[in-house]
Amino acid sequence: MNSKEVKAWDIVEIARHKDRPNAKFYIENIFDDFIELHGDRNFRDDRAIIGGIASIDGINVTVIGVNKGKNVKENLDANFGMVHPEGYRKALRLMKQAEKFNRPVICFVDTPGAFCGIGAEERGQGQAIAQNLMEMSRLKTPVISIITGEGGSGGALGLSVSDRVYMLDNSIYSILSPEGFASILWKDPSRTKEAAEVMKITALDLMNLGIIDGIISEPKEGAHTEPSFVANNIKDLIKKDLNDLIDISKEDLVEARYLKFRRMGNFYQYINK
């Protein structure tokens, strides 16, 4: 599907669709022998993050996903995909474990943003995300991140400093929500749809800007209409990338990742002059 066929706000609505496949679905339908691991070894187990070890095509991997529920109870349990600091610390614990045992890391991202409640701030939300950014940038194992729905703010970036970053056709990736953009910059929530266009948050926009590495096909109406088809597309891409990345030396892998994100930083400095 060509994202130019629909308006950005239409893609936002599909990305937020209540029936859109979540991380748990993709883990169950892409990987074999998944074993979930729990807790950050500091405070508690954040159910907004689901992670553990699995295999794909005979390759052992660590899988981490921001998980939204499929009903009210599951959404409350997972805090609607808004991760607490202990969730990011759990994710980082699993990433460092993957590095120790030479397992590639696969991340699924679908979050409106990190949870911004008082408790999360008291427990160091900003520091937890910043720690992930730093550690992921120098992680000595391949990392692949896939934006499957919403990729909101630092909450998404905390799982996206990766060798390869992909988006599904009907996903979004942005510094904040269109509602937040319209309210903060224009002081006018009624301009939310206009904000979605201005922000360049669609997969096609970000591919053209060089922010992501590729777009994964899904039905025009959304992944929820053919979830198995989308899961197979993701699986094929992961298998291809793993075969390419696992042959790269650890030193070259980290250097290439550094240069990738350094280039993005220089790009943003240029366009903001």
C-alpha atoms as a PDB file:
ATOM      1  CA  MET A   1       0.000   0.000   0.000  1.00  0.00           C
ATOM      2  CA  ASN A   2       1.220   3.505  -0.859  1.00  0.00           C
ATOM      3  CA  SER A   3       0.751   5.734   2.191  1.00  0.00           C
ATOM      4  CA  LYS A   4       0.092   8.728  -0.140  1.00  0.00           C
ATOM      5  CA  GLU A   5      -3.265   7.168  -1.070  1.00  0.00           C
ATOM      6  CA  VAL A   6      -4.678   8.163   2.321  1.00  0.00           C
ATOM      7  CA  LYS A   7      -4.270  11.113   4.640  1.00  0.00           C
ATOM      8  CA  ALA A   8      -1.976  10.965   7.635  1.00  0.00           C
ATOM      9  CA  TRP A   9      -4.900  11.081  10.055  1.00  0.00           C
ATOM     10  CA  ASP A  10      -6.459   8.029   8.401  1.00  0.00           C
ATOM     11  CA  ILE A  11      -3.214   6.162   9.108  1.00  0.00           C
ATOM     12  CA  VAL A  12      -3.245   7.395  12.718  1.00  0.00           C
ATOM     13  CA  GLU A  13      -6.708   5.919  13.181  1.00  0.00           C
ATOM     14  CA  ILE A  14      -5.676   2.556  11.691  1.00  0.00           C
ATOM     15  CA  ALA A  15      -2.518   2.508  13.827  1.00  0.00           C
ATOM     16  CA  ARG A  16      -4.729   2.916  16.910  1.00  0.00           C
ATOM     17  CA  HIS A  17      -7.403   0.433  15.837  1.00  0.00           C
ATOM     18  CA  LYS A  18      -8.618  -1.631  18.775  1.00  0.00           C
ATOM     19  CA  ASP A  19      -8.195  -4.897  16.853  1.00  0.00           C
ATOM     20  CA  ARG A  20      -4.707  -4.199  15.557  1.00  0.00           C
ATOM     21  CA  PRO A  21      -2.374  -7.170  16.280  1.00  0.00           C
ATOM     22  CA  ASN A  22      -0.282  -6.635  19.392  1.00  0.00           C
ATOM     23  CA  ALA A  23       3.221  -7.737  20.357  1.00  0.00           C
ATOM     24  CA  LYS A  24       1.943 -10.932  21.948  1.00  0.00           C
ATOM     25  CA  PHE A  25       0.304 -11.967  18.668  1.00  0.00           C
ATOM     26  CA  TYR A  26       3.464 -11.346  16.662  1.00  0.00           C
ATOM     27  CA  ILE A  27       5.631 -13.214  19.156  1.00  0.00           C
ATOM     28  CA  GLU A  28       3.311 -16.223  19.094  1.00  0.00           C
ATOM     29  CA  ASN A  29       3.069 -16.286  15.292  1.00  0.00           C
ATOM     30  CA  ILE A  30       6.635 -15.456  14.272  1.00  0.00           C
ATOM     31  CA  PHE A  31       8.878 -17.195  16.812  1.00  0.00           C
ATOM     32  CA  ASP A  32       9.259 -20.702  18.191  1.00  0.00           C
ATOM     33  CA  ASP A  33       9.712 -21.841  21.799  1.00  0.00           C
ATOM     34  CA  PHE A  34       9.135 -18.417  23.390  1.00  0.00           C
ATOM     35  CA  ILE A  35       9.934 -18.302  27.106  1.00  0.00           C
ATOM     36  CA  GLU A  36       8.818 -15.111  28.822  1.00  0.00           C
ATOM     37  CA  LEU A  37      11.116 -13.509  31.400  1.00  0.00           C
ATOM     38  CA  HIS A  38       9.868 -11.101  34.052  1.00  0.00           C
ATOM     39  CA  GLY A  39      10.931  -8.166  36.204  1.00  0.00           C
ATOM     40  CA  ASP A  40      13.579  -5.468  36.282  1.00  0.00           C
ATOM     41  CA  ARG A  41      15.313  -6.850  39.419  1.00  0.00           C
ATOM     42  CA  ASN A  42      14.615  -3.538  41.090  1.00  0.00           C
ATOM     43  CA  PHE A  43      10.916  -2.698  41.544  1.00  0.00           C
ATOM     44  CA  ARG A  44       8.350  -4.878  39.735  1.00  0.00           C
ATOM     45  CA  ASP A  45       7.325  -6.535  36.490  1.00  0.00           C
ATOM     46  CA  ASP A  46       5.835  -4.023  34.054  1.00  0.00           C
ATOM     47  CA  ARG A  47       3.217  -5.806  31.943  1.00  0.00           C
ATOM     48  CA  ALA A  48       3.445  -3.104  29.275  1.00  0.00           C
ATOM     49  CA  ILE A  49       6.674  -4.850  28.227  1.00  0.00           C
ATOM     50  CA  ILE A  50       6.621  -8.487  27.212  1.00  0.00           C
ATOM     51  CA  GLY A  51      10.005 -10.079  26.613  1.00  0.00           C
ATOM     52  CA  GLY A  52      11.986 -13.266  26.679  1.00  0.00           C
ATOM     53  CA  ILE A  53      13.964 -15.744  24.619  1.00  0.00           C
ATOM     54  CA  ALA A  54      12.820 -17.581  21.494  1.00  0.00           C
ATOM     55  CA  SER A  55      14.063 -18.883  18.166  1.00  0.00           C
ATOM     56  CA  ILE A  56      13.401 -18.121  14.519  1.00  0.00           C
ATOM     57  CA  ASP A  57      14.627 -20.293  11.688  1.00  0.00           C
ATOM     58  CA  GLY A  58      16.961 -22.043  14.130  1.00  0.00           C
ATOM     59  CA  ILE A  59      18.510 -18.787  15.411  1.00  0.00           C
ATOM     60  CA  ASN A  60      18.151 -18.027  19.129  1.00  0.00           C
ATOM     61  CA  VAL A  61      16.957 -14.479  19.766  1.00  0.00           C
ATOM     62  CA  THR A  62      15.721 -12.184  22.507  1.00  0.00           C
ATOM     63  CA  VAL A  63      12.290 -10.704  21.778  1.00  0.00           C
ATOM     64  CA  ILE A  64      10.972  -7.551  23.464  1.00  0.00           C
ATOM     65  CA  GLY A  65       7.661  -5.883  22.732  1.00  0.00           C
ATOM     66  CA  VAL A  66       5.487  -3.064  23.979  1.00  0.00           C
ATOM     67  CA  ASN A  67       2.220  -4.876  24.482  1.00  0.00           C
ATOM     68  CA  LYS A  68      -1.299  -3.512  24.277  1.00  0.00           C
ATOM     69  CA  GLY A  69      -4.263  -5.571  25.396  1.00  0.00           C
ATOM     70  CA  LYS A  70      -7.166  -6.871  23.316  1.00  0.00           C
ATOM     71  CA  ASN A  71      -9.824  -5.953  25.877  1.00  0.00           C
ATOM     72  CA  VAL A  72     -10.319  -3.574  28.807  1.00  0.00           C
ATOM     73  CA  LYS A  73      -8.830  -5.935  31.407  1.00  0.00           C
ATOM     74  CA  GLU A  74      -5.707  -6.634  29.320  1.00  0.00           C
ATOM     75  CA  ASN A  75      -5.274  -2.948  28.500  1.00  0.00           C
ATOM     76  CA  LEU A  76      -5.484  -1.997  32.152  1.00  0.00           C
ATOM     77  CA  ASP A  77      -2.950  -4.702  32.985  1.00  0.00           C
ATOM     78  CA  ALA A  78      -0.592  -3.388  30.290  1.00  0.00           C
ATOM     79  CA  ASN A  79      -1.360   0.278  31.043  1.00  0.00           C
ATOM     80  CA  PHE A  80      -2.523   0.702  27.430  1.00  0.00           C
ATOM     81  CA  GLY A  81       1.032   0.206  26.197  1.00  0.00           C
ATOM     82  CA  MET A  82       2.434   3.119  28.209  1.00  0.00           C
ATOM     83  CA  VAL A  83       5.634   1.792  29.743  1.00  0.00           C
ATOM     84  CA  HIS A  84       6.834   2.583  33.280  1.00  0.00           C
ATOM     85  CA  PRO A  85      10.558   2.980  34.056  1.00  0.00           C
ATOM     86  CA  GLU A  86      10.727  -0.594  35.324  1.00  0.00           C
ATOM     87  CA  GLY A  87       9.541  -1.714  31.889  1.00  0.00           C
ATOM     88  CA  TYR A  88      12.479  -0.018  30.203  1.00  0.00           C
ATOM     89  CA  ARG A  89      14.800  -1.462  32.835  1.00  0.00           C
ATOM     90  CA  LYS A  90      13.376  -4.938  32.194  1.00  0.00           C
ATOM     91  CA  ALA A  91      13.942  -4.435  28.464  1.00  0.00           C
ATOM     92  CA  LEU A  92      17.519  -3.319  29.075  1.00  0.00           C
ATOM     93  CA  ARG A  93      18.174  -6.287  31.358  1.00  0.00           C
ATOM     94  CA  LEU A  94      17.063  -8.611  28.572  1.00  0.00           C
ATOM     95  CA  MET A  95      19.170  -6.761  26.005  1.00  0.00           C
ATOM     96  CA  LYS A  96      22.316  -7.038  28.127  1.00  0.00           C
ATOM     97  CA  GLN A  97      21.562 -10.718  28.671  1.00  0.00           C
ATOM     98  CA  ALA A  98      21.221 -11.123  24.889  1.00  0.00           C
ATOM     99  CA  GLU A  99      24.588  -9.434  24.394  1.00  0.00           C
ATOM    100  CA  LYS A 100      26.210 -11.793  26.910  1.00  0.00           C
ATOM    101  CA  PHE A 101      24.905 -14.889  25.103  1.00  0.00           C
ATOM    102  CA  ASN A 102      25.288 -13.523  21.536  1.00  0.00           C
ATOM    103  CA  ARG A 103      21.557 -13.455  20.831  1.00  0.00           C
ATOM    104  CA  PRO A 104      20.165 -10.871  18.374  1.00  0.00           C
ATOM    105  CA  VAL A 105      17.431  -8.616  19.781  1.00  0.00           C
ATOM    106  CA  ILE A 106      14.069  -8.091  18.075  1.00  0.00           C
ATOM    107  CA  CYS A 107      11.855  -5.247  19.351  1.00  0.00           C
ATOM    108  CA  PHE A 108       8.182  -4.609  18.587  1.00  0.00           C
ATOM    109  CA  VAL A 109       7.070  -1.047  19.304  1.00  0.00           C
ATOM    110  CA  ASP A 110       3.462   0.079  19.742  1.00  0.00           C
ATOM    111  CA  THR A 111       3.053   2.798  22.343  1.00  0.00           C
ATOM    112  CA  PRO A 112       1.459   6.243  22.513  1.00  0.00           C
ATOM    113  CA  GLY A 113       4.414   7.186  24.719  1.00  0.00           C
ATOM    114  CA  ALA A 114       6.034   6.361  28.032  1.00  0.00           C
ATOM    115  CA  PHE A 115       3.780   6.704  31.069  1.00  0.00           C
ATOM    116  CA  CYS A 116       4.091  10.206  32.518  1.00  0.00           C
ATOM    117  CA  GLY A 117       2.458   9.739  35.908  1.00  0.00           C
ATOM    118  CA  ILE A 118       3.944  10.988  39.165  1.00  0.00           C
ATOM    119  CA  GLY A 119       5.052   7.521  40.244  1.00  0.00           C
ATOM    120  CA  ALA A 120       6.893   6.930  36.966  1.00  0.00           C
ATOM    121  CA  GLU A 121       8.691  10.237  37.298  1.00  0.00           C
ATOM    122  CA  GLU A 122       9.581   9.496  40.916  1.00  0.00           C
ATOM    123  CA  ARG A 123      11.133   6.199  39.827  1.00  0.00           C
ATOM    124  CA  GLY A 124      13.241   7.827  37.133  1.00  0.00           C
ATOM    125  CA  GLN A 125      11.344   7.593  33.845  1.00  0.00           C
ATOM    126  CA  GLY A 126      13.618   9.973  31.955  1.00  0.00           C
ATOM    127  CA  GLN A 127      16.755   8.321  33.250  1.00  0.00           C
ATOM    128  CA  ALA A 128      15.473   4.847  32.359  1.00  0.00           C
ATOM    129  CA  ILE A 129      14.786   5.845  28.756  1.00  0.00           C
ATOM    130  CA  ALA A 130      18.098   7.700  28.462  1.00  0.00           C
ATOM    131  CA  GLN A 131      19.918   4.640  29.793  1.00  0.00           C
ATOM    132  CA  ASN A 132      18.287   2.509  27.108  1.00  0.00           C
ATOM    133  CA  LEU A 133      19.326   4.939  24.381  1.00  0.00           C
ATOM    134  CA  MET A 134      22.931   4.894  25.533  1.00  0.00           C
ATOM    135  CA  GLU A 135      23.165   1.148  26.047  1.00  0.00           C
ATOM    136  CA  MET A 136      21.394   0.240  22.809  1.00  0.00           C
ATOM    137  CA  SER A 137      23.741   2.464  20.839  1.00  0.00           C
ATOM    138  CA  ARG A 138      26.698   0.317  21.911  1.00  0.00           C
ATOM    139  CA  LEU A 139      25.055  -3.089  22.303  1.00  0.00           C
ATOM    140  CA  LYS A 140      27.357  -5.724  20.788  1.00  0.00           C
ATOM    141  CA  THR A 141      24.663  -7.821  19.170  1.00  0.00           C
ATOM    142  CA  PRO A 142      22.302  -7.163  16.239  1.00  0.00           C
ATOM    143  CA  VAL A 143      19.145  -5.195  17.041  1.00  0.00           C
ATOM    144  CA  ILE A 144      16.050  -4.949  14.834  1.00  0.00           C
ATOM    145  CA  SER A 145      13.066  -2.747  15.761  1.00  0.00           C
ATOM    146  CA  ILE A 146       9.653  -2.754  14.119  1.00  0.00           C
ATOM    147  CA  ILE A 147       7.022  -0.057  14.666  1.00  0.00           C
ATOM    148  CA  THR A 148       3.772  -2.014  14.456  1.00  0.00           C
ATOM    149  CA  GLY A 149       1.270   0.657  15.505  1.00  0.00           C
ATOM    150  CA  GLU A 150       2.017   3.853  17.399  1.00  0.00           C
ATOM    151  CA  GLY A 151       5.621   4.898  17.867  1.00  0.00           C
ATOM    152  CA  GLY A 152       5.233   7.758  20.290  1.00  0.00           C
ATOM    153  CA  SER A 153       8.032   9.991  21.581  1.00  0.00           C
ATOM    154  CA  GLY A 154      10.877   8.771  23.790  1.00  0.00           C
ATOM    155  CA  GLY A 155       8.672   5.881  24.817  1.00  0.00           C
ATOM    156  CA  ALA A 156       9.175   4.406  21.355  1.00  0.00           C
ATOM    157  CA  LEU A 157      12.756   5.550  20.928  1.00  0.00           C
ATOM    158  CA  GLY A 158      13.713   3.660  24.085  1.00  0.00           C
ATOM    159  CA  LEU A 159      13.371   0.451  22.042  1.00  0.00           C
ATOM    160  CA  SER A 160      14.388   1.759  18.614  1.00  0.00           C
ATOM    161  CA  VAL A 161      18.102   2.586  18.633  1.00  0.00           C
ATOM    162  CA  SER A 162      18.682  -0.338  16.301  1.00  0.00           C
ATOM    163  CA  ASP A 163      20.655  -1.558  13.323  1.00  0.00           C
ATOM    164  CA  ARG A 164      17.417  -1.785  11.354  1.00  0.00           C
ATOM    165  CA  VAL A 165      14.219   0.157  12.037  1.00  0.00           C
ATOM    166  CA  TYR A 166      11.072  -0.734  10.097  1.00  0.00           C
ATOM    167  CA  MET A 167       7.468   0.420  10.104  1.00  0.00           C
ATOM    168  CA  LEU A 168       4.278  -1.279   9.026  1.00  0.00           C
ATOM    169  CA  ASP A 169       2.410   0.606   6.286  1.00  0.00           C
ATOM    170  CA  ASN A 170      -0.262   1.858   8.678  1.00  0.00           C
ATOM    171  CA  SER A 171       1.956   2.796  11.606  1.00  0.00           C
ATOM    172  CA  ILE A 172       3.179   6.153  12.878  1.00  0.00           C
ATOM    173  CA  TYR A 173       6.438   7.316  14.468  1.00  0.00           C
ATOM    174  CA  SER A 174       6.619  10.756  16.010  1.00  0.00           C
ATOM    175  CA  ILE A 175       7.986  13.036  18.709  1.00  0.00           C
ATOM    176  CA  LEU A 176       4.510  13.311  20.262  1.00  0.00           C
ATOM    177  CA  SER A 177       0.885  12.697  19.341  1.00  0.00           C
ATOM    178  CA  PRO A 178      -0.877  14.909  16.783  1.00  0.00           C
ATOM    179  CA  GLU A 179      -3.228  15.960  19.588  1.00  0.00           C
ATOM    180  CA  GLY A 180      -0.261  17.060  21.683  1.00  0.00           C
ATOM    181  CA  PHE A 181       1.349  18.873  18.754  1.00  0.00           C
ATOM    182  CA  ALA A 182      -1.823  20.849  17.995  1.00  0.00           C
ATOM    183  CA  SER A 183      -2.395  21.726  21.650  1.00  0.00           C
ATOM    184  CA  ILE A 184       1.176  22.750  22.445  1.00  0.00           C
ATOM    185  CA  LEU A 185       2.271  24.498  19.259  1.00  0.00           C
ATOM    186  CA  TRP A 186      -1.000  25.973  18.036  1.00  0.00           C
ATOM    187  CA  LYS A 187      -2.997  26.024  21.286  1.00  0.00           C
ATOM    188  CA  ASP A 188      -5.840  24.575  19.225  1.00  0.00           C
ATOM    189  CA  PRO A 189      -6.811  20.884  19.659  1.00  0.00           C
ATOM    190  CA  SER A 190      -9.234  21.200  16.736  1.00  0.00           C
ATOM    191  CA  ARG A 191      -6.241  21.244  14.353  1.00  0.00           C
ATOM    192  CA  THR A 192      -5.197  17.673  15.232  1.00  0.00           C
ATOM    193  CA  LYS A 193      -5.740  16.290  11.716  1.00  0.00           C
ATOM    194  CA  GLU A 194      -3.745  19.154  10.245  1.00  0.00           C
ATOM    195  CA  ALA A 195      -0.966  18.460  12.739  1.00  0.00           C
ATOM    196  CA  ALA A 196      -0.783  14.826  11.604  1.00  0.00           C
ATOM    197  CA  GLU A 197      -0.012  16.003   8.062  1.00  0.00           C
ATOM    198  CA  VAL A 198       2.550  18.598   9.138  1.00  0.00           C
ATOM    199  CA  MET A 199       4.452  16.271  11.465  1.00  0.00           C
ATOM    200  CA  LYS A 200       5.477  13.764   8.739  1.00  0.00           C
ATOM    201  CA  ILE A 201       4.709  10.742  10.891  1.00  0.00           C
ATOM    202  CA  THR A 202       3.767   8.093   8.329  1.00  0.00           C
ATOM    203  CA  ALA A 203       6.000   5.259   7.189  1.00  0.00           C
ATOM    204  CA  LEU A 204       6.356   6.750   3.711  1.00  0.00           C
ATOM    205  CA  ASP A 205       7.256  10.185   5.100  1.00  0.00           C
ATOM    206  CA  LEU A 206       9.925   8.737   7.374  1.00  0.00           C
ATOM    207  CA  MET A 207      11.290   6.431   4.692  1.00  0.00           C
ATOM    208  CA  ASN A 208      11.707   9.404   2.364  1.00  0.00           C
ATOM    209  CA  LEU A 209      13.469  11.327   5.129  1.00  0.00           C
ATOM    210  CA  GLY A 210      15.866   8.436   5.751  1.00  0.00           C
ATOM    211  CA  ILE A 211      14.713   7.921   9.344  1.00  0.00           C
ATOM    212  CA  ILE A 212      13.679   4.286   8.891  1.00  0.00           C
ATOM    213  CA  ASP A 213      15.194   1.470   6.850  1.00  0.00           C
ATOM    214  CA  GLY A 214      12.076   0.067   5.240  1.00  0.00           C
ATOM    215  CA  ILE A 215       8.306  -0.363   5.157  1.00  0.00           C
ATOM    216  CA  ILE A 216       6.548  -3.677   5.773  1.00  0.00           C
ATOM    217  CA  SER A 217       3.411  -4.318   3.720  1.00  0.00           C
ATOM    218  CA  GLU A 218       0.017  -4.718   5.308  1.00  0.00           C
ATOM    219  CA  PRO A 219      -3.521  -4.533   3.885  1.00  0.00           C
ATOM    220  CA  LYS A 220      -4.798  -1.051   3.105  1.00  0.00           C
ATOM    221  CA  GLU A 221      -7.556  -1.498   5.687  1.00  0.00           C
ATOM    222  CA  GLY A 222      -5.036  -2.453   8.384  1.00  0.00           C
ATOM    223  CA  ALA A 223      -3.096  -5.410   9.777  1.00  0.00           C
ATOM    224  CA  HIS A 224      -6.131  -6.554  11.773  1.00  0.00           C
ATOM    225  CA  THR A 225      -7.846  -7.641   8.542  1.00  0.00           C
ATOM    226  CA  GLU A 226      -5.091 -10.176   7.670  1.00  0.00           C
ATOM    227  CA  PRO A 227      -2.881 -10.554  10.748  1.00  0.00           C
ATOM    228  CA  SER A 228      -1.231 -13.815   9.658  1.00  0.00           C
ATOM    229  CA  PHE A 229      -0.216 -12.263   6.327  1.00  0.00           C
ATOM    230  CA  VAL A 230       1.438  -9.366   8.150  1.00  0.00           C
ATOM    231  CA  ALA A 231       3.155 -11.687  10.633  1.00  0.00           C
ATOM    232  CA  ASN A 232       4.622 -13.679   7.733  1.00  0.00           C
ATOM    233  CA  ASN A 233       5.896 -10.483   6.092  1.00  0.00           C
ATOM    234  CA  ILE A 234       7.614  -9.497   9.330  1.00  0.00           C
ATOM    235  CA  LYS A 235       9.039 -12.982   9.797  1.00  0.00           C
ATOM    236  CA  ASP A 236      10.555 -13.047   6.298  1.00  0.00           C
ATOM    237  CA  LEU A 237      12.182  -9.665   6.852  1.00  0.00           C
ATOM    238  CA  ILE A 238      13.605 -10.623  10.249  1.00  0.00           C
ATOM    239  CA  LYS A 239      15.083 -13.837   8.834  1.00  0.00           C
ATOM    240  CA  LYS A 240      16.720 -11.956   5.965  1.00  0.00           C
ATOM    241  CA  ASP A 241      18.183  -9.270   8.212  1.00  0.00           C
ATOM    242  CA  LEU A 242      19.481 -11.753  10.769  1.00  0.00           C
ATOM    243  CA  ASN A 243      21.344 -13.646   8.058  1.00  0.00           C
ATOM    244  CA  ASP A 244      22.996 -10.359   7.044  1.00  0.00           C
ATOM    245  CA  LEU A 245      23.697  -8.950  10.519  1.00  0.00           C
ATOM    246  CA  ILE A 246      25.016 -11.973  12.377  1.00  0.00           C
ATOM    247  CA  ASP A 247      28.027 -12.172  10.056  1.00  0.00           C
ATOM    248  CA  ILE A 248      29.162  -8.636  10.933  1.00  0.00           C
ATOM    249  CA  SER A 249      31.815  -8.331  13.635  1.00  0.00           C
ATOM    250  CA  LYS A 250      30.721  -6.805  16.936  1.00  0.00           C
ATOM    251  CA  GLU A 251      33.017  -3.823  16.475  1.00  0.00           C
ATOM    252  CA  ASP A 252      31.764  -3.078  12.954  1.00  0.00           C
ATOM    253  CA  LEU A 253      28.157  -3.533  14.063  1.00  0.00           C
ATOM    254  CA  VAL A 254      28.450  -0.925  16.816  1.00  0.00           C
ATOM    255  CA  GLU A 255      30.369   1.476  14.561  1.00  0.00           C
ATOM    256  CA  ALA A 256      27.747   1.214  11.806  1.00  0.00           C
ATOM    257  CA  ARG A 257      24.950   1.816  14.308  1.00  0.00           C
ATOM    258  CA  TYR A 258      26.748   4.872  15.666  1.00  0.00           C
ATOM    259  CA  LEU A 259      27.229   6.314  12.182  1.00  0.00           C
ATOM    260  CA  LYS A 260      23.595   5.607  11.302  1.00  0.00           C
ATOM    261  CA  PHE A 261      22.219   7.676  14.178  1.00  0.00           C
ATOM    262  CA  ARG A 262      24.970  10.282  13.950  1.00  0.00           C
ATOM    263  CA  ARG A 263      23.897  10.879  10.364  1.00  0.00           C
ATOM    264  CA  MET A 264      20.313  11.420  11.537  1.00  0.00           C
ATOM    265  CA  GLY A 265      21.517  13.930  14.119  1.00  0.00           C
ATOM    266  CA  ASN A 266      23.384  15.901  11.469  1.00  0.00           C
ATOM    267  CA  PHE A 267      20.266  15.808   9.260  1.00  0.00           C
ATOM    268  CA  TYR A 268      18.067  17.313  11.980  1.00  0.00           C
ATOM    269  CA  GLN A 269      20.667  20.008  12.700  1.00  0.00           C
ATOM    270  CA  TYR A 270      20.586  20.915   9.024  1.00  0.00           C
ATOM    271  CA  ILE A 271      16.798  21.125   8.614  1.00  0.00           C
ATOM    272  CA  ASN A 272      16.430  23.130  11.844  1.00  0.00           C
ATOM    273  CA  LYS A 273      18.851  25.888  10.834  1.00  0.00           C
END
